[in-house]
Protein backbone atom coordinates (compact mmCIF):
# COMPACT_ATOMS: atom_id res chain seq x y z
CA UNK A 1 -44.89 35.52 28.92
CA UNK A 2 -42.95 32.48 30.16
CA UNK A 3 -43.23 33.75 33.75
CA UNK A 4 -46.98 34.14 33.35
CA UNK A 5 -47.31 30.58 32.02
CA UNK A 6 -45.12 29.17 34.81
CA UNK A 7 -47.08 31.10 37.46
CA UNK A 8 -50.40 29.86 36.05
CA UNK A 9 -49.08 26.27 35.96
CA UNK A 10 -47.87 26.57 39.59
CA UNK A 11 -51.26 27.91 40.74
CA UNK A 12 -53.02 25.09 38.87
CA UNK A 13 -50.71 22.49 40.47
CA UNK A 14 -51.20 23.87 43.99
CA UNK A 15 -54.96 23.96 43.56
CA UNK A 16 -55.04 20.35 42.41
CA UNK A 17 -52.63 19.27 45.15
CA UNK A 18 -54.81 20.93 47.76
CA UNK A 19 -57.87 19.21 46.31
CA UNK A 20 -56.08 15.83 46.36
CA UNK A 21 -55.12 16.34 50.00
CA UNK A 22 -58.75 17.07 50.88
CA UNK A 23 -59.70 13.67 49.42
CA UNK A 24 -57.26 11.78 51.69
CA UNK A 25 -58.24 10.80 55.23
CA UNK A 26 -56.39 9.00 58.03
CA UNK A 27 -58.15 6.75 60.50
CA UNK A 28 -57.25 5.15 63.85
CA UNK A 29 -59.46 2.51 65.44
CA UNK A 30 -59.69 0.38 68.57
CA UNK A 31 -62.22 -2.01 70.07
CA UNK A 32 -63.11 -5.63 70.73
CA UNK A 33 -62.35 -8.70 68.63
CA UNK A 34 -64.83 -11.51 69.27
CA UNK A 35 -64.00 -15.11 68.35
CA UNK A 36 -66.66 -17.27 66.72
CA UNK A 37 -67.37 -20.66 68.27
CA UNK A 38 -66.79 -22.03 64.77
CA UNK A 39 -63.20 -20.78 64.76
CA UNK A 40 -61.22 -24.05 64.58
CA UNK A 41 -57.83 -22.29 64.69
CA UNK A 42 -58.26 -20.62 68.11
CA UNK A 43 -60.75 -22.81 70.02
CA UNK A 44 -58.94 -22.40 73.36
CA UNK A 45 -58.63 -18.61 73.40
CA UNK A 46 -60.95 -15.91 74.74
CA UNK A 47 -62.34 -12.83 73.02
CA UNK A 48 -59.72 -10.10 72.73
CA UNK A 49 -59.11 -6.58 71.52
CA UNK A 50 -58.16 -4.85 68.27
CA UNK A 51 -56.28 -1.77 67.14
CA UNK A 52 -55.74 -0.56 63.58
CA UNK A 53 -54.92 2.22 61.18
CA UNK A 54 -56.26 3.08 57.74
CA UNK A 55 -55.73 5.53 54.91
CA UNK A 56 -58.82 6.39 52.86
CA UNK A 57 -59.43 8.07 49.53
CA UNK A 58 -62.80 9.75 49.01
CA UNK A 59 -64.00 8.85 45.50
CA UNK A 60 -67.40 10.50 45.91
CA UNK A 61 -69.90 11.35 48.61
CA UNK A 62 -71.02 7.73 48.67
CA UNK A 63 -67.78 5.81 48.06
CA UNK A 64 -64.45 5.61 49.93
CA UNK A 65 -61.48 3.37 49.13
CA UNK A 66 -59.17 2.26 51.96
CA UNK A 67 -55.88 0.57 52.80
CA UNK A 68 -55.90 -0.93 56.31
CA UNK A 69 -53.60 -2.59 58.82
CA UNK A 70 -54.84 -4.19 62.06
CA UNK A 71 -53.71 -6.17 65.09
CA UNK A 72 -55.96 -8.53 67.10
CA UNK A 73 -54.87 -10.08 70.40
CA UNK A 74 -56.56 -12.99 72.23
CA UNK A 75 -55.75 -14.28 75.72
CA UNK A 76 -55.54 -17.98 76.57
CA UNK A 77 -58.78 -19.19 78.17
CA UNK A 78 -57.19 -21.72 80.52
CA UNK A 79 -58.97 -24.52 78.72
CA UNK A 80 -57.15 -27.02 76.55
CA UNK A 81 -57.60 -30.08 74.39
CA UNK A 82 -59.24 -33.14 75.90
CA UNK A 83 -56.53 -35.75 76.32
CA UNK A 84 -56.83 -39.35 77.43
CA UNK A 85 -55.73 -39.69 81.05
CA UNK A 86 -53.96 -42.91 82.07
CA UNK A 87 -55.73 -44.80 84.88
CA UNK A 88 -52.74 -44.58 87.14
CA UNK A 89 -52.97 -43.47 90.75
CA UNK A 90 -51.05 -40.27 91.28
CA UNK A 91 -50.92 -39.19 87.63
CA UNK A 92 -51.21 -35.42 87.25
CA UNK A 93 -51.50 -33.06 84.24
CA UNK A 94 -51.47 -29.26 83.96
CA UNK A 95 -51.84 -26.94 80.94
CA UNK A 96 -50.68 -23.36 80.45
CA UNK A 97 -50.98 -21.19 77.35
CA UNK A 98 -49.81 -18.03 75.63
CA UNK A 99 -51.75 -15.28 73.88
CA UNK A 100 -52.52 -15.55 70.16
CA UNK A 101 -52.27 -12.75 67.59
CA UNK A 102 -53.82 -11.98 64.19
CA UNK A 103 -52.21 -9.32 61.98
CA UNK A 104 -54.18 -7.99 59.00
CA UNK A 105 -53.35 -6.06 55.85
CA UNK A 106 -56.29 -5.33 53.56
CA UNK A 107 -57.79 -3.14 50.85
CA UNK A 108 -61.45 -2.23 50.88
CA UNK A 109 -64.28 0.16 50.28
CA UNK A 110 -67.06 1.86 52.20
CA UNK A 111 -70.40 2.36 50.49
CA UNK A 112 -72.61 4.97 52.17
CA UNK A 113 -76.29 4.10 52.14
CA UNK A 114 -77.65 7.59 52.80
CA UNK A 115 -76.36 11.08 53.55
CA UNK A 116 -77.26 13.04 56.65
CA UNK A 117 -75.82 13.96 60.02
CA UNK A 118 -75.57 10.22 60.84
CA UNK A 119 -74.37 8.36 57.74
CA UNK A 120 -74.80 4.55 57.66
CA UNK A 121 -72.45 2.53 55.45
CA UNK A 122 -71.46 -0.97 54.38
CA UNK A 123 -67.77 -1.93 54.35
CA UNK A 124 -66.09 -4.64 52.27
CA UNK A 125 -62.44 -5.65 52.66
CA UNK A 126 -60.07 -8.32 51.43
CA UNK A 127 -56.43 -9.08 52.20
CA UNK A 128 -53.97 -11.26 54.08
CA UNK A 129 -54.06 -12.23 57.76
CA UNK A 130 -51.00 -13.58 59.57
CA UNK A 131 -51.87 -15.68 62.62
CA UNK A 132 -49.56 -16.53 65.52
CA UNK A 133 -51.14 -19.32 67.57
CA UNK A 134 -49.78 -19.26 71.12
CA UNK A 135 -48.21 -22.35 72.63
CA UNK A 136 -50.25 -24.62 74.87
CA UNK A 137 -47.71 -26.27 77.15
CA UNK A 138 -48.64 -29.53 78.84
CA UNK A 139 -46.91 -30.74 81.98
CA UNK A 140 -47.38 -34.29 83.32
CA UNK A 141 -45.93 -35.91 86.44
CA UNK A 142 -46.42 -38.65 89.01
CA UNK A 143 -46.98 -37.68 92.61
CA UNK A 144 -45.27 -40.85 93.85
CA UNK A 145 -42.09 -40.17 91.89
CA UNK A 146 -39.47 -39.53 94.56
CA UNK A 147 -37.52 -37.27 92.19
CA UNK A 148 -40.68 -35.43 91.07
CA UNK A 149 -39.66 -35.84 87.41
CA UNK A 150 -41.79 -33.76 85.02
CA UNK A 151 -42.68 -34.31 81.36
CA UNK A 152 -43.13 -31.15 79.25
CA UNK A 153 -44.41 -30.90 75.69
CA UNK A 154 -46.24 -28.45 73.40
CA UNK A 155 -49.67 -29.36 72.03
CA UNK A 156 -49.24 -30.13 68.32
CA UNK A 157 -51.84 -27.60 67.02
CA UNK A 158 -50.36 -24.69 68.96
CA UNK A 159 -47.18 -22.64 68.70
CA UNK A 160 -47.52 -22.24 64.93
CA UNK A 161 -47.53 -19.30 62.51
CA UNK A 162 -49.24 -19.09 59.13
CA UNK A 163 -50.81 -16.64 56.68
CA UNK A 164 -54.13 -16.88 54.83
CA UNK A 165 -56.23 -14.70 52.53
CA UNK A 166 -59.39 -13.36 54.17
CA UNK A 167 -62.40 -11.21 53.42
CA UNK A 168 -64.77 -9.21 55.61
CA UNK A 169 -68.08 -7.41 55.40
CA UNK A 170 -69.36 -4.93 57.95
CA UNK A 171 -71.87 -2.26 58.81
CA UNK A 172 -71.37 1.03 60.59
CA UNK A 173 -72.30 4.68 61.01
CA UNK A 174 -70.26 7.84 60.46
CA UNK A 175 -70.91 10.86 62.69
CA UNK A 176 -69.06 14.16 62.04
CA UNK A 177 -67.49 15.85 65.07
CA UNK A 178 -66.26 18.99 63.30
CA UNK A 179 -64.80 20.00 59.93
CA UNK A 180 -61.69 17.82 60.46
CA UNK A 181 -62.77 14.83 62.56
CA UNK A 182 -65.41 12.11 62.21
CA UNK A 183 -66.35 9.35 64.66
CA UNK A 184 -67.25 5.96 63.20
CA UNK A 185 -68.78 2.92 64.90
CA UNK A 186 -68.42 -0.34 62.98
CA UNK A 187 -68.96 -4.07 63.34
CA UNK A 188 -67.31 -6.57 60.97
CA UNK A 189 -67.61 -10.26 60.14
CA UNK A 190 -64.17 -11.54 59.07
CA UNK A 191 -63.52 -14.98 57.59
CA UNK A 192 -60.48 -16.70 56.10
CA UNK A 193 -61.03 -18.18 52.64
CA UNK A 194 -60.81 -21.75 54.00
CA UNK A 195 -63.50 -21.02 56.63
CA UNK A 196 -61.33 -22.05 59.59
CA UNK A 197 -60.77 -18.54 60.97
CA UNK A 198 -63.87 -16.53 61.95
CA UNK A 199 -63.98 -13.48 64.23
CA UNK A 200 -66.02 -10.32 64.72
CA UNK A 201 -64.19 -7.01 65.32
CA UNK A 202 -66.42 -4.33 66.87
CA UNK A 203 -64.68 -0.98 67.17
CA UNK A 204 -64.73 2.81 67.11
CA UNK A 205 -62.66 4.85 64.65
CA UNK A 206 -61.47 8.43 64.71
CA UNK A 207 -61.09 9.76 61.16
CA UNK A 208 -59.04 12.86 60.38
CA UNK A 209 -59.26 14.90 57.19
CA UNK A 210 -56.09 17.06 56.72
């Protein structure tokens, strides 16, 4: 009798474990990360690219919960802050810069609007973004200086790291490839809570259901 009960309990556990596994999905994504002109943190950097990973739990046909991690990289545009130039003959200035990075960790949900072969959805996320602002190095010199002495310094609003809470809202479509893989196309508006950091990731995701 005990063996029968144990066997029944094991079968019940395995069935539920299998069902739980079927509700878990893993997602990889990559695409563009576009900077808003209103982004006051990274005004001297160009649009960049994004990669990320997510783990999703399917609550129902219309709702998914997710945990996400992402990396955004932006190259220096070659432009820099406008600085007053001394009216001295032979005075020269040059600026160089490094890339900037935004790391994201967030929790969110996808709400599917309708069901069909192509499934549109709205995504909502919230979390923490860690920003590494690349250094803008400024070099100044005088052409007439016989020793060609240079002055180097880092622009005060660059070369800094900080973290902020952020939220995002997006829209996308989910297209099944086969029984295990889905392709998703998604565009997101992301904003830090203080409004200083705005950017628009646009990316494709490959979702795998074990």
